[in-house]
Amino acid sequence: MVKNKKNLNRKKSNNQDRVENYDKGREKDFGADILEGRNSVLEAIKADRTINKLLVQKGNKEGSIKHIIALAREKKIVVQETDRVNLDKISSTHAHQGVIAYVAFKDYVDIDDILKAAQLKEEHPFIVILDGIEDSYNLGSILRTANAVGVHGVIIPKRRAVGLNAAVSKASAGAIEYVPVARVTNIAQTMEYLKKKNIWIVGTDLSGEKAFYQNDLKGPVALVLGSEGEGMGKLISQKCDFVVNIPMKGQISSLNVAVAGAVIMYEIVKQRNL
């Protein structure tokens, strides 16, 4: 394989500096791991507790709420607005005071921690990048397979994706405790960083020119799996070194993302052991 890499100038994103509207349809993805109330949330942020996202009541940005939002932005925590009725539905204490934080079931790691894990094992890095997985079961299933095949770490985005929660832990059958997960602001920039570390970026899509087993998947590799509904985003696809497909011979045109990921992960293991 011949890798054609370009060093692209990174553009700073200001996404973390705005308060987004909350998508009520995704609240089930984050499980019941929540903190409620201004003091509880503020102290958790100060203590660097890993927080998946912060919900604040629309129009309530005075006093301590304003301070909480500012501190959350400083620490790159996703902040979203929603109405009081929705906060009331989510709340278990009924004393949320206009703010609820979804906390991670397990702490995240840095990208370099994943690379170091591979180095300590004297192995080529084997990484899985998830471009917007929204279902807890799928993420848990992917972590379970990742542990089985020896993946050194999984990378997920901060926005429009499920984080580490109790439902993910259950679906992973305990693998969440053993597979390092990094949560990044920008997947595209992360891919560029990995390229500079001489890691091949392999995308998965029906548009791939060759079947996954027809490509050389040995060596340092990061496998990109797209979201359940839309697959990889256009920019993410463009930043892959190459894209592979999974041939489908039946009437169904695609596989569940967790199943597709398992198929290709085991092909990587097979080629590494040849």
Protein backbone atom coordinates (compact mmCIF):
# COMPACT_ATOMS: atom_id res chain seq x y z
CA MET A 1 0.00 0.00 0.00
CA VAL A 2 1.16 3.52 -0.73
CA LYS A 3 0.00 6.11 1.74
CA ASN A 4 -0.63 9.63 0.50
CA LYS A 5 -0.72 11.99 3.46
CA LYS A 6 -1.11 15.75 3.48
CA ASN A 7 -0.34 17.97 6.41
CA LEU A 8 -3.43 20.10 6.79
CA ASN A 9 -3.64 23.22 8.90
CA ARG A 10 -5.85 22.63 11.85
CA LYS A 11 -8.69 25.04 12.35
CA LYS A 12 -9.77 25.73 15.86
CA SER A 13 -13.40 24.92 16.47
CA ASN A 14 -15.49 27.15 18.67
CA ASN A 15 -18.25 24.58 19.05
CA GLN A 16 -17.45 24.16 22.71
CA ASP A 17 -17.98 27.89 23.28
CA ARG A 18 -21.66 27.93 22.46
CA VAL A 19 -24.64 26.58 24.36
CA GLU A 20 -26.44 24.12 22.10
CA ASN A 21 -30.08 23.12 22.07
CA TYR A 22 -30.66 19.77 23.73
CA ASP A 23 -31.94 16.89 21.60
CA LYS A 24 -34.54 15.20 23.78
CA GLY A 25 -34.47 12.11 21.60
CA ARG A 26 -30.98 11.24 22.81
CA GLU A 27 -31.51 11.46 26.56
CA LYS A 28 -32.01 7.68 26.83
CA ASP A 29 -28.50 7.13 25.49
CA PHE A 30 -26.87 8.61 28.53
CA GLY A 31 -28.44 6.36 31.13
CA ALA A 32 -29.17 7.45 34.69
CA ASP A 33 -25.66 8.52 35.68
CA ILE A 34 -26.49 12.11 36.59
CA LEU A 35 -25.69 14.85 39.08
CA GLU A 36 -28.31 17.46 39.94
CA GLY A 37 -28.24 20.86 41.56
CA ARG A 38 -25.92 23.85 41.27
CA ASN A 39 -23.52 23.03 44.09
CA SER A 40 -23.16 19.35 43.17
CA VAL A 41 -22.50 20.12 39.51
CA LEU A 42 -20.16 23.03 40.25
CA GLU A 43 -18.01 20.99 42.65
CA ALA A 44 -17.90 18.07 40.19
CA ILE A 45 -16.59 20.39 37.47
CA LYS A 46 -14.02 21.93 39.83
CA ALA A 47 -12.86 18.44 40.83
CA ASP A 48 -12.36 17.48 37.17
CA ARG A 49 -15.03 14.79 37.33
CA THR A 50 -15.51 13.34 33.84
CA ILE A 51 -18.77 14.78 32.51
CA ASN A 52 -20.39 13.65 29.27
CA LYS A 53 -22.49 16.79 28.97
CA LEU A 54 -24.23 19.50 30.94
CA LEU A 55 -27.91 20.46 30.64
CA VAL A 56 -28.99 23.94 31.68
CA GLN A 57 -32.42 25.50 31.75
CA LYS A 58 -33.17 27.88 28.87
CA GLY A 59 -33.04 31.53 29.83
CA ASN A 60 -31.43 30.81 33.18
CA LYS A 61 -27.89 32.15 32.91
CA GLU A 62 -27.61 34.35 35.96
CA GLY A 63 -25.51 33.99 39.08
CA SER A 64 -24.13 30.53 39.79
CA ILE A 65 -25.55 29.08 36.55
CA LYS A 66 -23.53 31.60 34.55
CA HIS A 67 -20.44 30.61 36.51
CA ILE A 68 -21.11 26.90 35.93
CA ILE A 69 -21.47 27.42 32.18
CA ALA A 70 -18.27 29.48 32.00
CA LEU A 71 -16.28 26.88 33.95
CA ALA A 72 -17.72 24.05 31.84
CA ARG A 73 -16.67 25.82 28.64
CA GLU A 74 -13.20 26.34 30.04
CA LYS A 75 -12.92 22.60 30.65
CA LYS A 76 -14.34 21.77 27.19
CA ILE A 77 -17.54 20.19 28.54
CA VAL A 78 -20.49 20.04 26.16
CA VAL A 79 -23.23 22.42 27.37
CA GLN A 80 -26.79 22.20 26.05
CA GLU A 81 -29.97 24.14 26.77
CA THR A 82 -33.35 22.57 27.41
CA ASP A 83 -36.65 23.62 28.99
CA ARG A 84 -37.58 23.16 32.62
CA VAL A 85 -40.24 20.56 31.78
CA ASN A 86 -37.60 18.27 30.29
CA LEU A 87 -35.24 18.79 33.22
CA ASP A 88 -38.10 17.85 35.54
CA LYS A 89 -38.64 14.61 33.60
CA ILE A 90 -34.96 13.68 33.82
CA SER A 91 -34.55 14.67 37.46
CA SER A 92 -34.82 12.02 40.15
CA THR A 93 -34.40 14.43 43.08
CA HIS A 94 -36.86 17.05 41.76
CA ALA A 95 -34.39 19.65 42.97
CA HIS A 96 -32.17 20.16 39.92
CA GLN A 97 -32.12 23.99 40.23
CA GLY A 98 -31.92 24.35 36.47
CA VAL A 99 -28.82 22.22 35.88
CA ILE A 100 -28.14 18.52 35.39
CA ALA A 101 -24.80 16.89 34.53
CA TYR A 102 -24.43 13.50 32.85
CA VAL A 103 -21.33 11.93 34.33
CA ALA A 104 -19.22 9.23 32.72
CA PHE A 105 -19.51 5.71 34.11
CA LYS A 106 -15.75 5.42 33.68
CA ASP A 107 -13.03 8.02 33.15
CA TYR A 108 -11.74 8.67 29.67
CA VAL A 109 -8.08 8.61 28.64
CA ASP A 110 -5.92 10.74 26.33
CA ILE A 111 -4.94 9.68 22.82
CA ASP A 112 -1.32 9.39 23.92
CA ASP A 113 -2.35 6.97 26.68
CA ILE A 114 -3.67 4.63 23.98
CA LEU A 115 -0.46 4.92 21.98
CA LYS A 116 1.58 4.30 25.12
CA ALA A 117 -0.43 1.15 25.87
CA ALA A 118 0.57 -0.27 22.48
CA GLN A 119 4.18 0.74 23.03
CA LEU A 120 4.35 -0.99 26.41
CA LYS A 121 3.10 -4.20 24.80
CA GLU A 122 5.63 -3.77 21.98
CA GLU A 123 2.79 -3.99 19.46
CA HIS A 124 1.71 -1.88 16.50
CA PRO A 125 -1.14 0.42 17.57
CA PHE A 126 -4.59 -1.04 16.93
CA ILE A 127 -7.23 1.64 17.42
CA VAL A 128 -10.96 1.88 16.69
CA ILE A 129 -12.48 5.30 15.89
CA LEU A 130 -16.26 5.68 16.16
CA ASP A 131 -17.84 8.47 14.13
CA GLY A 132 -21.06 9.17 16.00
CA ILE A 133 -22.34 5.91 17.53
CA GLU A 134 -25.58 6.85 19.31
CA ASP A 135 -26.79 3.53 20.70
CA SER A 136 -25.44 2.31 24.04
CA TYR A 137 -25.78 -1.34 23.07
CA ASN A 138 -23.71 -0.84 19.91
CA LEU A 139 -20.94 0.95 21.78
CA GLY A 140 -20.91 -1.73 24.47
CA SER A 141 -20.80 -4.49 21.87
CA ILE A 142 -17.91 -2.80 20.05
CA LEU A 143 -15.97 -2.48 23.32
CA ARG A 144 -16.55 -6.17 23.99
CA THR A 145 -15.12 -7.15 20.61
CA ALA A 146 -12.31 -4.62 20.96
CA ASN A 147 -11.23 -6.28 24.20
CA ALA A 148 -11.43 -9.74 22.62
CA VAL A 149 -9.15 -8.85 19.69
CA GLY A 150 -6.63 -6.77 21.63
CA VAL A 151 -7.54 -3.25 20.53
CA HIS A 152 -5.39 -0.76 22.43
CA GLY A 153 -8.08 1.90 22.61
CA VAL A 154 -11.33 3.31 21.22
CA ILE A 155 -11.90 6.94 20.25
CA ILE A 156 -15.34 8.59 20.37
CA PRO A 157 -16.53 12.18 19.76
CA LYS A 158 -17.89 14.47 22.45
CA ARG A 159 -20.92 15.53 20.41
CA ARG A 160 -23.75 13.61 18.79
CA ALA A 161 -22.59 10.32 20.25
CA VAL A 162 -23.24 8.17 23.30
CA GLY A 163 -20.69 8.34 26.11
CA LEU A 164 -19.65 5.79 28.69
CA ASN A 165 -22.67 5.02 30.86
CA ALA A 166 -24.21 2.15 32.80
CA ALA A 167 -26.03 0.80 29.73
CA VAL A 168 -22.77 0.70 27.76
CA SER A 169 -21.07 -1.08 30.64
CA LYS A 170 -23.78 -3.74 30.75
CA ALA A 171 -23.71 -4.29 26.98
CA SER A 172 -19.92 -4.60 27.05
CA ALA A 173 -20.13 -7.50 29.52
CA GLY A 174 -17.42 -5.83 31.61
CA ALA A 175 -15.10 -4.93 28.71
CA ILE A 176 -15.55 -1.24 29.54
CA GLU A 177 -13.16 -1.80 32.46
CA TYR A 178 -10.36 -3.00 30.19
CA VAL A 179 -10.61 -1.00 26.95
CA PRO A 180 -9.28 2.58 27.19
CA VAL A 181 -11.67 5.10 25.63
CA ALA A 182 -10.63 8.60 24.55
CA ARG A 183 -13.29 11.27 23.99
CA VAL A 184 -12.28 14.04 21.59
CA THR A 185 -13.72 17.32 20.38
CA ASN A 186 -12.77 16.81 16.74
CA ILE A 187 -12.50 13.36 15.12
CA ALA A 188 -11.02 14.75 11.89
CA GLN A 189 -8.18 16.49 13.73
CA THR A 190 -7.58 13.36 15.77
CA MET A 191 -7.19 11.37 12.56
CA GLU A 192 -4.57 13.85 11.34
CA TYR A 193 -2.72 13.51 14.63
CA LEU A 194 -2.67 9.72 14.30
CA LYS A 195 -1.39 10.00 10.72
CA LYS A 196 1.56 12.00 12.02
CA LYS A 197 2.24 9.04 14.33
CA ASN A 198 2.47 6.84 11.19
CA ILE A 199 -0.84 5.10 11.80
CA TRP A 200 -2.96 4.03 8.82
CA ILE A 201 -6.55 5.28 8.89
CA VAL A 202 -8.94 2.68 7.44
CA GLY A 203 -12.56 3.67 6.80
CA THR A 204 -15.51 1.32 6.35
CA ASP A 205 -18.27 1.99 3.85
CA LEU A 206 -20.16 0.32 0.99
CA SER A 207 -18.35 2.74 -1.34
CA GLY A 208 -14.99 1.14 -0.56
CA GLU A 209 -13.15 0.02 -3.71
CA LYS A 210 -12.02 -3.30 -2.27
CA ALA A 211 -13.36 -5.82 0.20
CA PHE A 212 -11.78 -5.57 3.64
CA TYR A 213 -9.93 -8.90 3.21
CA GLN A 214 -8.34 -7.70 -0.05
CA ASN A 215 -6.47 -4.87 1.70
CA ASP A 216 -3.27 -4.97 3.71
CA LEU A 217 -4.40 -4.29 7.29
CA LYS A 218 -1.15 -5.18 9.03
CA GLY A 219 0.95 -2.64 10.89
CA PRO A 220 -0.24 0.40 12.86
CA VAL A 221 -3.92 0.85 12.06
CA ALA A 222 -6.96 2.85 13.16
CA LEU A 223 -10.30 1.44 12.00
CA VAL A 224 -13.10 3.99 11.50
CA LEU A 225 -16.72 2.91 11.97
CA GLY A 226 -19.53 5.30 11.03
CA SER A 227 -22.81 6.01 12.79
CA GLU A 228 -25.77 3.63 12.74
CA GLY A 229 -27.87 5.60 10.28
CA GLU A 230 -25.54 7.64 8.10
CA GLY A 231 -22.20 5.88 8.28
CA MET A 232 -19.03 7.96 8.13
CA GLY A 233 -19.37 11.68 7.55
CA LYS A 234 -18.03 13.07 4.28
CA LEU A 235 -15.04 14.82 5.88
CA ILE A 236 -14.15 11.75 7.94
CA SER A 237 -14.30 9.57 4.84
CA GLN A 238 -12.03 11.95 2.94
CA LYS A 239 -9.42 11.86 5.69
CA CYS A 240 -9.15 8.07 5.62
CA ASP A 241 -6.08 6.67 3.87
CA PHE A 242 -8.40 4.18 2.19
CA VAL A 243 -11.92 2.80 2.61
CA VAL A 244 -12.89 -0.88 2.63
CA ASN A 245 -16.25 -2.55 2.14
CA ILE A 246 -17.91 -5.71 3.43
CA PRO A 247 -19.36 -7.67 0.50
CA MET A 248 -23.09 -8.38 0.91
CA LYS A 249 -24.51 -11.31 -1.09
CA GLY A 250 -27.99 -11.52 0.39
CA GLN A 251 -31.03 -9.29 0.22
CA ILE A 252 -29.94 -7.13 3.18
CA SER A 253 -27.60 -4.34 2.07
CA SER A 254 -25.71 -3.68 5.29
CA LEU A 255 -24.71 -5.01 8.70
CA ASN A 256 -25.23 -3.56 12.15
CA VAL A 257 -22.23 -1.34 12.96
CA ALA A 258 -21.14 -3.52 15.88
CA VAL A 259 -21.26 -6.65 13.72
CA ALA A 260 -19.45 -4.95 10.84
CA GLY A 261 -16.78 -3.74 13.24
CA ALA A 262 -16.32 -7.24 14.66
CA VAL A 263 -15.87 -8.75 11.19
CA ILE A 264 -13.12 -6.31 10.22
CA MET A 265 -11.42 -6.31 13.62
CA TYR A 266 -10.96 -10.06 13.40
CA GLU A 267 -9.57 -9.72 9.87
CA ILE A 268 -6.95 -7.32 11.27
CA VAL A 269 -6.05 -9.88 13.94
CA LYS A 270 -5.86 -12.63 11.32
CA GLN A 271 -3.49 -10.62 9.11
CA ARG A 272 -1.32 -9.65 12.05
CA ASN A 273 -0.88 -13.30 12.96
CA LEU A 274 0.06 -14.47 9.48
